[in-house]
């Protein structure tokens, strides 16, 4: 058969194209870096290095010793296999993820109270890209903090295994389009200083889009311990949370509500992305007081765990923060109890403080009887008024006027403790100090502070103890020096006098010592044995308050000076005083 010229033209073109494609394919590894550069720019990868590569078929790539760097993290993998075609397959084996800590930015002075950021659009985009992969296999990927990760995906189901030392977390996630459900097996892990967390099973569901994320999770047999949360292990038979997060162009909102708990509650957090001003709202509809108490995990409450209360309450809370006013928090609390009553309350309870009792001070071997049988005990009527107000004004000047809390001091303490990530400041009123010492304890935990607030609110709102009784208890148990408790022991120790005999300057000096009574020697002049002249401003402030309360004449202000508060009791030991 004779071929026409046009046939030869097509054959020549086909042979040329075949030779070109063959040549390109034979040189495939030489132009692989340009292809990778184009692909990685789309995924915003900063750098990629590999020791060797194999490209045997058109849709099958195999890398040895590959390193991927992006932003401040690096992924180093022994082997990486990529296969394209009918099934998208990605396999990584033997890798390590490291975080770049070599930042030259100045060290932070402490955490800033700011809302969390969650780039929902980027997370959703990554989620959709991963969904296109039919098979994904990540084996033995080492993460920071000695954590090892293995992750597999087969069609729509993900299998996760996280291991640290000999402890592992195993579960699966089933994904279908933009939603899915998950389940994780029983888990137990221990941390430092006896802390641990465990559960019998955790499961739930989720749904997400470019600007929203909805999550529902419930756990059974939840338990854990951390020394900053509580002094005892905490446990829930079952507990969960439902969370809905969505973002607009200039703001973000989180709606949350507990699940599988006896208390119904709803809350929301919203903030402006530009200014970071944020607001927290919490609403609890009318429910029984029993539901309020049972909402806390077992082991969280101590004194209140023995209370059986009747009646109902509603609670509304609003907390606002604006970074442009960094030292200011705004708090609004609306608590509406109804038909409150006490059915029974095991000791210790606020009711037991109405009668005489035995008290053992913190870290002391002494046992004090708080009642008239003790010769050192003072009733409220036996406390000289100017002594009472001079001391109270140093510790809690609005004691007789507030409902158990000084909101400004409380919010400032909250900010300071947040910044230092510690319990540096407590902002405790006299009522809170009595509750802490007589009903709870001194451990610095979140559980103790929460229960201290709850007990103070109950005592003050329902007059479980009168203001006079609270002040009476305070003046008989407060620590005023090394193994010195109560006003009577304090006046004997410092001035060799009975409480009704001390002068106004001496009373002001006693109030000055209360924040740090064991360090009283640092408030004393070594030569004269009197209060330091540097305390003159504080003495003058208290003196003006006593004038306003009509316990001191106006023309006597000049006589209220530190030099008139001199030690004469056992506290006056010149050899034990600090050097000038």
Protein backbone atom coordinates (compact mmCIF):
# COMPACT_ATOMS: atom_id res chain seq x y z
CA UNK A 1 0.00 0.00 0.00
CA UNK A 2 1.31 3.34 -0.97
CA UNK A 3 1.22 6.03 1.70
CA UNK A 4 0.21 9.50 0.84
CA UNK A 5 2.31 12.51 1.81
CA UNK A 6 -0.23 13.49 4.50
CA UNK A 7 0.11 10.08 6.09
CA UNK A 8 3.86 10.48 6.27
CA UNK A 9 3.36 13.87 7.86
CA UNK A 10 1.19 12.43 10.62
CA UNK A 11 3.59 9.55 11.21
CA UNK A 12 6.54 11.91 11.43
CA UNK A 13 4.67 14.15 13.84
CA UNK A 14 3.71 11.15 15.98
CA UNK A 15 7.26 9.83 16.03
CA UNK A 16 8.60 13.27 16.90
CA UNK A 17 6.06 13.70 19.69
CA UNK A 18 6.83 10.22 21.01
CA UNK A 19 10.56 10.92 20.98
CA UNK A 20 9.95 14.25 22.74
CA UNK A 21 7.79 12.67 25.41
CA UNK A 22 10.30 9.83 25.81
CA UNK A 23 13.12 12.32 26.15
CA UNK A 24 11.20 14.35 28.70
CA UNK A 25 10.36 11.16 30.60
CA UNK A 26 13.99 10.00 30.55
CA UNK A 27 15.03 13.36 31.95
CA UNK A 28 12.15 13.43 34.44
CA UNK A 29 14.35 13.64 37.54
CA UNK A 30 16.19 16.64 36.15
CA UNK A 31 13.05 18.77 35.89
CA UNK A 32 11.47 17.32 39.05
CA UNK A 33 12.69 20.26 41.22
CA UNK A 34 10.88 22.77 38.97
CA UNK A 35 7.69 20.72 39.17
CA UNK A 36 7.96 20.46 42.96
CA UNK A 37 8.61 24.17 43.26
CA UNK A 38 5.41 24.89 41.36
CA UNK A 39 3.36 22.47 43.50
CA UNK A 40 4.81 23.52 46.85
CA UNK A 41 4.25 27.22 46.17
CA UNK A 42 0.55 26.39 46.03
CA UNK A 43 0.76 24.73 49.46
CA UNK A 44 2.94 27.54 50.89
CA UNK A 45 5.89 25.24 51.67
CA UNK A 46 9.05 27.25 52.34
CA UNK A 47 11.67 24.60 51.60
CA UNK A 48 11.89 20.97 50.48
CA UNK A 49 15.00 18.82 50.37
CA UNK A 50 15.48 15.14 49.55
CA UNK A 51 18.44 12.80 49.35
CA UNK A 52 17.22 10.79 46.33
CA UNK A 53 14.05 10.24 44.33
CA UNK A 54 12.56 7.46 42.21
CA UNK A 55 10.00 8.07 39.46
CA UNK A 56 9.29 4.72 37.87
CA UNK A 57 5.81 5.28 36.45
CA UNK A 58 3.95 8.41 35.50
CA UNK A 59 1.88 8.58 38.72
CA UNK A 60 4.31 7.07 41.20
CA UNK A 61 6.98 9.07 43.09
CA UNK A 62 9.26 7.73 45.82
CA UNK A 63 11.57 9.95 47.94
CA UNK A 64 14.33 9.03 50.39
CA UNK A 65 15.31 11.26 53.35
CA UNK A 66 13.01 14.18 52.62
CA UNK A 67 12.71 17.38 54.70
CA UNK A 68 9.78 19.80 54.45
CA UNK A 69 9.93 23.22 56.14
CA UNK A 70 6.98 25.53 56.59
CA UNK A 71 6.71 28.59 58.84
CA UNK A 72 8.27 27.56 62.18
CA UNK A 73 8.07 23.78 61.90
CA UNK A 74 10.04 21.11 60.06
CA UNK A 75 9.00 17.59 58.97
CA UNK A 76 11.83 15.09 58.36
CA UNK A 77 10.79 11.73 56.85
CA UNK A 78 12.81 8.63 56.02
CA UNK A 79 10.61 7.61 53.09
CA UNK A 80 7.77 9.34 51.25
CA UNK A 81 5.62 7.66 48.61
CA UNK A 82 3.16 9.58 46.42
CA UNK A 83 0.91 7.80 43.93
CA UNK A 84 -1.61 9.47 41.65
CA UNK A 85 -4.17 7.84 39.43
CA UNK A 86 -7.37 5.99 40.22
CA UNK A 87 -6.46 6.20 43.91
CA UNK A 88 -4.51 9.02 45.54
CA UNK A 89 -2.04 7.45 47.95
CA UNK A 90 0.37 9.19 50.32
CA UNK A 91 2.66 7.22 52.63
CA UNK A 92 5.21 8.57 55.14
CA UNK A 93 7.36 6.29 57.24
CA UNK A 94 9.77 7.08 60.04
CA UNK A 95 9.61 10.85 60.49
CA UNK A 96 10.00 13.66 63.00
CA UNK A 97 8.28 17.00 63.46
CA UNK A 98 10.31 19.73 65.17
CA UNK A 99 9.41 23.27 66.15
CA UNK A 100 11.80 26.15 65.46
CA UNK A 101 12.55 27.77 68.82
CA UNK A 102 15.36 29.96 67.52
CA UNK A 103 13.25 33.09 67.35
CA UNK A 104 15.09 36.36 67.92
CA UNK A 105 11.98 38.09 69.26
CA UNK A 106 12.28 39.50 72.79
CA UNK A 107 11.05 37.27 75.58
CA UNK A 108 7.49 37.87 76.67
CA UNK A 109 6.85 39.29 80.14
CA UNK A 110 3.94 36.90 80.54
CA UNK A 111 0.83 35.63 78.79
CA UNK A 112 -1.56 38.25 77.53
CA UNK A 113 -5.28 37.89 78.10
CA UNK A 114 -6.36 37.55 74.48
CA UNK A 115 -8.88 35.43 72.61
CA UNK A 116 -7.81 32.33 70.69
CA UNK A 117 -7.37 32.48 66.94
CA UNK A 118 -8.56 29.68 64.67
CA UNK A 119 -8.12 30.09 60.89
CA UNK A 120 -11.27 28.18 59.97
CA UNK A 121 -10.87 28.78 56.23
CA UNK A 122 -7.35 27.34 56.12
CA UNK A 123 -8.29 24.36 58.28
CA UNK A 124 -11.30 23.64 56.08
CA UNK A 125 -9.14 23.88 52.95
CA UNK A 126 -6.63 21.43 54.43
CA UNK A 127 -9.50 19.15 55.41
CA UNK A 128 -10.87 19.12 51.87
CA UNK A 129 -7.44 18.38 50.39
CA UNK A 130 -6.95 15.47 52.76
CA UNK A 131 -10.42 14.21 51.86
CA UNK A 132 -9.30 13.79 48.23
CA UNK A 133 -6.63 11.29 49.27
CA UNK A 134 -8.02 7.76 49.16
CA UNK A 135 -5.17 6.20 51.15
CA UNK A 136 -2.94 8.00 53.63
CA UNK A 137 -0.39 6.31 55.84
CA UNK A 138 1.81 8.11 58.37
CA UNK A 139 3.90 5.70 60.40
CA UNK A 140 6.03 6.48 63.46
CA UNK A 141 6.09 10.28 63.17
CA UNK A 142 7.87 11.75 66.20
CA UNK A 143 6.24 14.91 67.54
CA UNK A 144 7.52 17.31 70.22
CA UNK A 145 7.36 16.19 73.88
CA UNK A 146 8.34 12.61 72.93
CA UNK A 147 5.01 11.88 71.28
CA UNK A 148 4.84 9.38 68.40
CA UNK A 149 2.00 9.55 65.84
CA UNK A 150 0.66 6.99 63.40
CA UNK A 151 -2.22 8.00 61.13
CA UNK A 152 -3.96 6.01 58.40
CA UNK A 153 -6.81 6.86 56.04
CA UNK A 154 -8.71 4.33 53.99
CA UNK A 155 -11.45 5.89 51.88
CA UNK A 156 -13.63 7.80 54.41
CA UNK A 157 -12.28 6.43 57.66
CA UNK A 158 -9.24 7.71 59.56
CA UNK A 159 -7.39 5.62 62.15
CA UNK A 160 -5.28 7.41 64.75
CA UNK A 161 -2.71 6.07 67.19
CA UNK A 162 -0.75 8.40 69.47
CA UNK A 163 1.93 6.95 71.73
CA UNK A 164 4.14 8.34 74.46
CA UNK A 165 6.46 5.94 76.27
CA UNK A 166 4.27 2.88 76.89
CA UNK A 167 0.93 4.75 76.80
CA UNK A 168 -1.14 4.96 73.63
CA UNK A 169 -4.36 6.59 72.43
CA UNK A 170 -6.24 4.71 69.72
CA UNK A 171 -9.40 5.66 67.84
CA UNK A 172 -11.01 6.37 64.50
CA UNK A 173 -12.78 9.20 62.68
CA UNK A 174 -15.34 8.55 59.95
CA UNK A 175 -15.70 11.46 57.51
CA UNK A 176 -18.39 12.03 54.91
CA UNK A 177 -18.22 15.30 52.99
CA UNK A 178 -18.16 18.13 55.57
CA UNK A 179 -19.16 16.10 58.63
CA UNK A 180 -18.21 12.98 60.53
CA UNK A 181 -18.17 11.12 63.80
CA UNK A 182 -15.36 9.78 65.99
CA UNK A 183 -14.66 7.32 68.79
CA UNK A 184 -11.61 6.77 70.99
CA UNK A 185 -10.93 3.78 73.22
CA UNK A 186 -10.11 3.85 76.93
CA UNK A 187 -7.08 5.97 77.75
CA UNK A 188 -4.86 6.66 80.76
CA UNK A 189 -1.76 8.83 80.88
CA UNK A 190 0.29 10.12 83.82
CA UNK A 191 2.19 13.39 84.00
CA UNK A 192 4.44 15.18 86.41
CA UNK A 193 3.88 15.32 90.18
CA UNK A 194 1.14 12.71 90.17
CA UNK A 195 -1.10 14.34 87.57
CA UNK A 196 -3.07 12.08 85.25
CA UNK A 197 -6.07 11.91 82.94
CA UNK A 198 -8.15 8.92 81.89
CA UNK A 199 -11.47 7.95 80.36
CA UNK A 200 -13.39 4.81 79.52
CA UNK A 201 -14.58 5.99 76.12
CA UNK A 202 -14.94 9.25 74.20
CA UNK A 203 -17.14 9.77 71.15
CA UNK A 204 -18.99 12.43 69.23
CA UNK A 205 -19.56 14.15 65.91
CA UNK A 206 -18.50 17.29 64.03
CA UNK A 207 -19.39 19.42 61.03
CA UNK A 208 -17.36 22.17 59.43
CA UNK A 209 -17.25 24.69 56.61
CA UNK A 210 -15.12 27.64 55.55
CA UNK A 211 -16.45 29.87 58.35
CA UNK A 212 -17.96 27.55 60.97
CA UNK A 213 -17.17 24.51 63.07
CA UNK A 214 -19.69 22.48 65.09
CA UNK A 215 -18.56 19.88 67.62
CA UNK A 216 -20.31 17.51 70.02
CA UNK A 217 -18.28 15.24 72.28
CA UNK A 218 -19.19 13.07 75.27
CA UNK A 219 -16.93 11.02 77.52
CA UNK A 220 -17.66 8.23 79.97
CA UNK A 221 -15.63 7.35 83.04
CA UNK A 222 -13.71 10.63 82.99
CA UNK A 223 -11.13 11.11 85.74
CA UNK A 224 -8.03 13.16 86.34
CA UNK A 225 -5.83 15.03 88.77
CA UNK A 226 -3.66 18.15 88.64
CA UNK A 227 -2.35 19.96 91.68
CA UNK A 228 -3.41 23.37 90.35
CA UNK A 229 -6.99 22.25 89.75
CA UNK A 230 -7.70 20.47 93.02
CA UNK A 231 -6.16 18.66 95.94
CA UNK A 232 -8.11 15.46 95.18
CA UNK A 233 -8.77 13.39 92.03
CA UNK A 234 -11.81 14.52 90.03
CA UNK A 235 -14.31 12.24 88.32
CA UNK A 236 -17.36 12.37 86.06
CA UNK A 237 -19.45 9.32 85.24
CA UNK A 238 -20.27 11.09 81.98
CA UNK A 239 -19.80 14.61 80.69
CA UNK A 240 -19.66 16.35 77.36
CA UNK A 241 -19.77 19.65 75.53
CA UNK A 242 -21.43 21.03 72.42
CA UNK A 243 -19.57 23.82 70.69
CA UNK A 244 -20.39 25.99 67.67
CA UNK A 245 -17.69 28.32 66.31
CA UNK A 246 -18.27 30.71 63.41
CA UNK A 247 -16.43 33.73 62.08
CA UNK A 248 -17.34 36.81 60.06
CA UNK A 249 -15.04 39.33 58.43
CA UNK A 250 -14.43 41.26 61.67
CA UNK A 251 -15.62 39.07 64.55
CA UNK A 252 -15.69 35.52 65.88
CA UNK A 253 -18.25 33.75 68.05
CA UNK A 254 -18.18 30.58 70.13
CA UNK A 255 -21.39 29.13 71.53
CA UNK A 256 -21.02 26.30 74.04
CA UNK A 257 -23.20 24.21 76.34
CA UNK A 258 -22.47 21.19 78.56
CA UNK A 259 -23.99 17.84 77.77
CA UNK A 260 -24.68 14.75 79.92
CA UNK A 261 -24.67 16.92 83.08
CA UNK A 262 -27.52 17.61 85.52
CA UNK A 263 -27.23 21.38 84.96
CA UNK A 264 -28.54 23.15 81.87
CA UNK A 265 -26.28 26.00 80.82
CA UNK A 266 -25.47 28.04 77.73
CA UNK A 267 -22.63 30.43 77.07
CA UNK A 268 -20.95 32.38 74.33
CA UNK A 269 -17.62 34.08 73.73
CA UNK A 270 -17.32 36.73 71.07
CA UNK A 271 -14.54 39.11 70.13
CA UNK A 272 -13.54 41.59 67.46
CA UNK A 273 -10.67 40.28 65.36
CA UNK A 274 -9.20 43.74 64.85
CA UNK A 275 -9.19 45.05 68.43
CA UNK A 276 -9.34 41.67 70.26
CA UNK A 277 -11.98 43.13 72.61
CA UNK A 278 -13.89 40.15 73.95
CA UNK A 279 -17.02 39.31 75.92
CA UNK A 280 -18.06 36.18 77.79
CA UNK A 281 -21.73 35.55 78.55
CA UNK A 282 -23.00 32.69 80.70
CA UNK A 283 -26.68 31.95 81.29
CA UNK A 284 -28.14 29.31 83.61
CA UNK A 285 -31.95 29.09 83.62
CA UNK A 286 -33.87 28.46 86.84
CA UNK A 287 -32.91 25.09 88.30
CA UNK A 288 -32.58 23.44 91.68
CA UNK A 289 -29.56 24.17 93.86
CA UNK A 290 -28.94 20.43 93.88
CA UNK A 291 -28.37 20.56 90.10
CA UNK A 292 -25.83 23.37 90.59
CA UNK A 293 -23.82 21.31 93.08
CA UNK A 294 -24.00 18.04 91.11
CA UNK A 295 -22.67 19.79 88.00
CA UNK A 296 -19.20 19.86 89.58
CA UNK A 297 -17.09 16.69 89.22
CA UNK A 298 -16.85 14.30 92.14
CA UNK A 299 -13.98 15.43 94.38
CA UNK A 300 -14.15 19.10 93.34
CA UNK A 301 -16.16 20.35 96.35
CA UNK A 302 -15.24 19.68 99.99
CA UNK A 303 -17.50 21.59 102.38
CA UNK A 304 -20.38 21.92 99.90
CA UNK A 305 -20.29 18.20 99.11
CA UNK A 306 -22.10 17.61 102.43
CA UNK A 307 -24.86 20.16 101.75
CA UNK A 308 -28.45 19.39 100.77
CA UNK A 309 -30.15 22.61 99.73
CA UNK A 310 -33.69 23.37 98.69
CA UNK A 311 -34.92 26.08 96.33
CA UNK A 312 -33.90 27.22 92.87
CA UNK A 313 -31.70 29.86 91.25
CA UNK A 314 -31.00 31.56 87.96
CA UNK A 315 -27.56 32.92 87.15
CA UNK A 316 -26.36 35.35 84.51
CA UNK A 317 -22.74 36.40 84.09
CA UNK A 318 -21.11 38.84 81.68
CA UNK A 319 -17.33 39.42 81.57
CA UNK A 320 -15.80 42.01 79.21
CA UNK A 321 -12.17 42.77 78.42
CA UNK A 322 -10.62 45.35 76.10
CA UNK A 323 -6.82 45.26 75.43
CA UNK A 324 -6.83 49.05 75.07
CA UNK A 325 -7.62 49.08 78.81
CA UNK A 326 -5.24 46.29 79.88
CA UNK A 327 -5.79 46.66 83.63
CA UNK A 328 -9.58 46.68 83.48
CA UNK A 329 -12.12 43.89 83.45
CA UNK A 330 -15.87 44.48 83.56
CA UNK A 331 -17.98 41.92 85.39
CA UNK A 332 -21.75 41.76 85.80
CA UNK A 333 -23.39 39.02 87.87
CA UNK A 334 -27.14 38.51 88.18
CA UNK A 335 -28.00 35.80 90.72
CA UNK A 336 -31.70 35.28 91.52
CA UNK A 337 -32.30 32.59 94.19
CA UNK A 338 -35.78 31.55 95.25
CA UNK A 339 -37.05 29.58 98.27
CA UNK A 340 -33.53 28.90 99.56
CA UNK A 341 -33.29 26.53 102.48
CA UNK A 342 -30.89 24.06 104.09
CA UNK A 343 -32.22 20.53 104.52
CA UNK A 344 -29.02 19.23 106.10
CA UNK A 345 -25.32 20.03 106.01
CA UNK A 346 -22.64 17.74 107.37
CA UNK A 347 -19.83 19.35 109.35
CA UNK A 348 -17.82 21.32 108.61
CA UNK A 349 -20.45 23.84 107.56
CA UNK A 350 -21.13 27.56 108.10
CA UNK A 351 -23.85 26.54 110.58
CA UNK A 352 -21.27 24.86 112.82
CA UNK A 353 -19.44 28.19 113.16
CA UNK A 354 -22.34 29.70 115.10
CA UNK A 355 -21.34 27.70 118.19
CA UNK A 356 -17.97 27.28 119.95
CA UNK A 357 -15.58 24.90 118.20
CA UNK A 358 -11.98 23.71 118.17
CA UNK A 359 -9.65 25.18 115.57
CA UNK A 360 -6.24 24.01 114.43
CA UNK A 361 -4.31 26.74 112.60
CA UNK A 362 -2.64 26.01 109.28
CA UNK A 363 0.78 24.30 109.67
CA UNK A 364 0.60 24.56 113.47
CA UNK A 365 0.45 21.91 116.19
CA UNK A 366 -1.70 24.14 118.42
CA UNK A 367 -5.37 23.53 119.12
CA UNK A 368 -7.41 26.67 119.85
CA UNK A 369 -10.86 26.69 121.44
CA UNK A 370 -12.92 29.39 119.74
CA UNK A 371 -15.45 30.18 122.43
CA UNK A 372 -15.97 31.97 125.77
CA UNK A 373 -14.29 29.10 127.66
CA UNK A 374 -10.96 30.31 126.23
CA UNK A 375 -9.59 33.20 128.37
CA UNK A 376 -8.05 34.79 125.25
CA UNK A 377 -11.35 34.73 123.35
CA UNK A 378 -12.99 38.08 122.57
CA UNK A 379 -16.65 38.54 121.73
CA UNK A 380 -17.57 41.19 119.19
CA UNK A 381 -18.66 43.55 121.97
CA UNK A 382 -15.26 43.22 123.66
CA UNK A 383 -13.33 44.47 120.62
CA UNK A 384 -12.67 48.19 121.02
CA UNK A 385 -14.35 50.01 118.08
CA UNK A 386 -11.30 51.98 116.96
CA UNK A 387 -9.18 48.82 117.10
CA UNK A 388 -11.84 46.98 115.09
CA UNK A 389 -12.00 49.62 112.36
CA UNK A 390 -8.26 50.33 112.28
CA UNK A 391 -7.52 46.67 111.60
CA UNK A 392 -10.45 46.09 109.24
CA UNK A 393 -9.58 49.15 107.16
CA UNK A 394 -6.11 47.78 106.55
CA UNK A 395 -7.52 44.42 105.40
CA UNK A 396 -11.07 45.08 104.17
CA UNK A 397 -12.29 48.64 104.65
CA UNK A 398 -15.74 47.97 103.16
CA UNK A 399 -16.39 44.83 105.20
CA UNK A 400 -19.63 46.07 106.75
CA UNK A 401 -20.92 47.42 103.43
CA UNK A 402 -20.21 44.78 100.74
CA UNK A 403 -21.87 41.40 100.16
CA UNK A 404 -18.71 39.36 100.64
CA UNK A 405 -16.72 40.54 97.61
CA UNK A 406 -14.81 43.60 96.46
CA UNK A 407 -15.25 43.35 92.71
CA UNK A 408 -12.43 45.70 91.70
CA UNK A 409 -9.86 43.87 93.83
CA UNK A 410 -11.13 40.52 92.59
CA UNK A 411 -10.79 41.48 88.91
CA UNK A 412 -7.32 42.95 89.39
CA UNK A 413 -6.25 39.73 91.09
CA UNK A 414 -7.70 37.71 88.22
CA UNK A 415 -5.65 39.70 85.68
CA UNK A 416 -2.45 39.49 87.69
CA UNK A 417 -2.77 35.76 88.28
CA UNK A 418 -3.49 35.19 84.58
CA UNK A 419 -0.36 37.09 83.54
CA UNK A 420 1.96 35.27 85.94
CA UNK A 421 0.19 31.91 85.46
CA UNK A 422 0.24 31.50 89.24
CA UNK A 423 -1.77 32.26 92.39
CA UNK A 424 0.05 35.42 93.38
CA UNK A 425 -2.91 37.48 94.51
CA UNK A 426 -6.17 36.37 96.12
CA UNK A 427 -8.18 39.57 96.78
CA UNK A 428 -9.80 37.86 99.75
CA UNK A 429 -12.27 39.77 101.90
CA UNK A 430 -12.65 39.10 105.63
CA UNK A 431 -15.51 36.70 104.91
CA UNK A 432 -13.43 34.84 102.32
CA UNK A 433 -10.52 34.55 104.75
CA UNK A 434 -12.78 33.11 107.46
CA UNK A 435 -14.23 30.61 104.96
CA UNK A 436 -10.77 29.60 103.77
CA UNK A 437 -9.33 29.10 107.25
CA UNK A 438 -12.28 27.45 108.99
CA UNK A 439 -14.08 25.51 106.25
CA UNK A 440 -11.66 24.77 103.42
CA UNK A 441 -7.88 25.01 103.74
CA UNK A 442 -4.94 26.92 102.33
CA UNK A 443 -4.13 24.89 99.20
CA UNK A 444 -3.80 27.16 96.15
CA UNK A 445 -6.07 25.41 93.70
CA UNK A 446 -8.87 26.41 91.34
CA UNK A 447 -11.28 24.11 93.19
CA UNK A 448 -10.60 25.76 96.55
CA UNK A 449 -11.02 29.25 95.12
CA UNK A 450 -14.30 28.39 93.37
CA UNK A 451 -15.73 26.82 96.52
CA UNK A 452 -14.52 29.78 98.58
CA UNK A 453 -16.51 32.10 96.30
CA UNK A 454 -19.62 29.90 96.46
CA UNK A 455 -19.54 29.62 100.26
CA UNK A 456 -18.96 33.35 100.68
CA UNK A 457 -21.94 34.10 98.43
CA UNK A 458 -24.20 31.74 100.41
CA UNK A 459 -23.07 33.04 103.82
CA UNK A 460 -23.51 36.71 102.91
CA UNK A 461 -26.66 36.42 100.77
CA UNK A 462 -28.65 34.28 103.21
CA UNK A 463 -27.05 35.58 106.44
CA UNK A 464 -25.83 32.16 107.54
CA UNK A 465 -23.39 34.15 109.70
CA UNK A 466 -23.86 37.76 110.73
CA UNK A 467 -21.24 40.40 109.96
CA UNK A 468 -20.56 40.69 113.69
CA UNK A 469 -20.00 36.93 114.02
CA UNK A 470 -17.68 36.88 110.99
CA UNK A 471 -15.60 39.76 112.44
CA UNK A 472 -15.56 38.05 115.84
CA UNK A 473 -14.24 34.83 114.32
CA UNK A 474 -11.66 36.72 112.30
CA UNK A 475 -10.22 38.61 115.30
CA UNK A 476 -9.90 35.35 117.27
CA UNK A 477 -8.22 33.18 114.61
CA UNK A 478 -6.13 35.56 112.50
CA UNK A 479 -2.39 34.91 112.58
CA UNK A 480 -0.48 37.91 113.93
CA UNK A 481 3.00 36.49 114.18
CA UNK A 482 4.90 33.23 114.70
CA UNK A 483 2.41 31.03 116.62
CA UNK A 484 0.48 34.15 117.61
CA UNK A 485 -3.27 33.85 116.92
CA UNK A 486 -6.03 36.28 117.71
CA UNK A 487 -6.10 39.86 118.99
CA UNK A 488 -5.47 38.99 122.64
CA UNK A 489 -2.28 37.04 121.92
CA UNK A 490 -1.17 39.80 119.52
CA UNK A 491 -1.48 42.62 122.07
CA UNK A 492 0.36 40.52 124.67
CA UNK A 493 3.12 39.59 122.20
CA UNK A 494 3.78 43.05 120.79
CA UNK A 495 2.87 45.50 123.56
CA UNK A 496 2.44 43.51 126.80
CA UNK A 497 -1.12 44.87 127.11
CA UNK A 498 -4.70 43.69 127.10
CA UNK A 499 -6.69 44.37 123.92
CA UNK A 500 -8.73 47.20 125.46
CA UNK A 501 -5.54 48.97 126.56
CA UNK A 502 -3.79 49.45 123.22
CA UNK A 503 -3.63 52.89 121.63
CA UNK A 504 -4.70 53.92 118.11
CA UNK A 505 -1.12 53.94 116.72
CA UNK A 506 -0.62 50.44 118.16
CA UNK A 507 -3.90 49.27 116.60
CA UNK A 508 -2.86 50.66 113.20
CA UNK A 509 0.48 48.87 113.53
CA UNK A 510 -1.31 45.56 114.12
CA UNK A 511 -3.35 46.12 110.95
CA UNK A 512 -0.16 46.88 109.02
CA UNK A 513 1.28 43.45 109.91
CA UNK A 514 -1.59 41.31 108.63
CA UNK A 515 -0.47 40.75 105.01
CA UNK A 516 2.81 39.23 106.28
CA UNK A 517 2.68 38.86 110.09
CA UNK A 518 5.70 36.55 110.41
CA UNK A 519 7.88 39.30 108.88
CA UNK A 520 6.95 41.83 111.60
CA UNK A 521 10.62 42.55 112.37
CA UNK A 522 11.01 44.29 109.00
CA UNK A 523 8.44 46.91 110.09
CA UNK A 524 10.45 47.83 113.21
CA UNK A 525 13.28 50.32 113.68
CA UNK A 526 16.18 48.35 115.15
CA UNK A 527 17.32 51.09 117.50
CA UNK A 528 14.04 52.46 118.88
CA UNK A 529 11.89 49.35 118.67
CA UNK A 530 9.09 51.46 117.15
CA UNK A 531 7.38 51.26 113.75
CA UNK A 532 9.48 52.53 110.86
CA UNK A 533 9.01 56.21 109.90
CA UNK A 534 8.37 55.06 106.30
CA UNK A 535 4.94 53.84 107.47
CA UNK A 536 3.81 57.41 108.20
CA UNK A 537 1.64 57.68 105.06
CA UNK A 538 -0.22 54.48 105.92
CA UNK A 539 -0.75 55.64 109.53
CA UNK A 540 -2.09 58.97 108.29
CA UNK A 541 -4.53 57.24 105.90
CA UNK A 542 -5.99 55.03 108.64
CA UNK A 543 -6.14 57.99 111.04
CA UNK A 544 -8.21 60.04 108.58
CA UNK A 545 -10.58 57.08 108.25
CA UNK A 546 -10.98 56.91 112.04
CA UNK A 547 -11.71 60.63 112.14
CA UNK A 548 -14.40 60.12 109.53
CA UNK A 549 -15.86 57.30 111.67
CA UNK A 550 -15.79 59.61 114.75
CA UNK A 551 -13.35 57.41 116.69
CA UNK A 552 -10.59 60.04 116.65
CA UNK A 553 -10.80 63.86 117.03
CA UNK A 554 -9.59 65.92 114.09
CA UNK A 555 -7.00 67.72 116.23
CA UNK A 556 -5.41 64.37 117.23
CA UNK A 557 -4.18 63.46 113.75
CA UNK A 558 -0.64 64.68 114.46
CA UNK A 559 -0.32 62.27 117.38
CA UNK A 560 -0.97 59.20 115.23
CA UNK A 561 2.57 58.48 114.03
CA UNK A 562 4.68 55.30 113.70
CA UNK A 563 6.98 56.51 116.49
CA UNK A 564 4.08 56.02 118.96
CA UNK A 565 3.75 52.30 118.17
CA UNK A 566 6.68 50.75 120.04
CA UNK A 567 7.22 47.10 120.95
CA UNK A 568 7.22 46.25 124.65
CA UNK A 569 6.25 42.59 124.73
CA UNK A 570 8.02 39.37 123.75
CA UNK A 571 8.33 40.64 120.18
CA UNK A 572 10.97 43.17 121.27
CA UNK A 573 14.18 41.23 120.74
CA UNK A 574 16.81 43.59 119.28
CA UNK A 575 19.25 40.77 118.55
CA UNK A 576 16.73 39.02 116.28
CA UNK A 577 15.80 42.12 114.28
CA UNK A 578 17.20 42.45 110.73
CA UNK A 579 20.19 44.76 110.21
CA UNK A 580 19.39 48.38 109.21
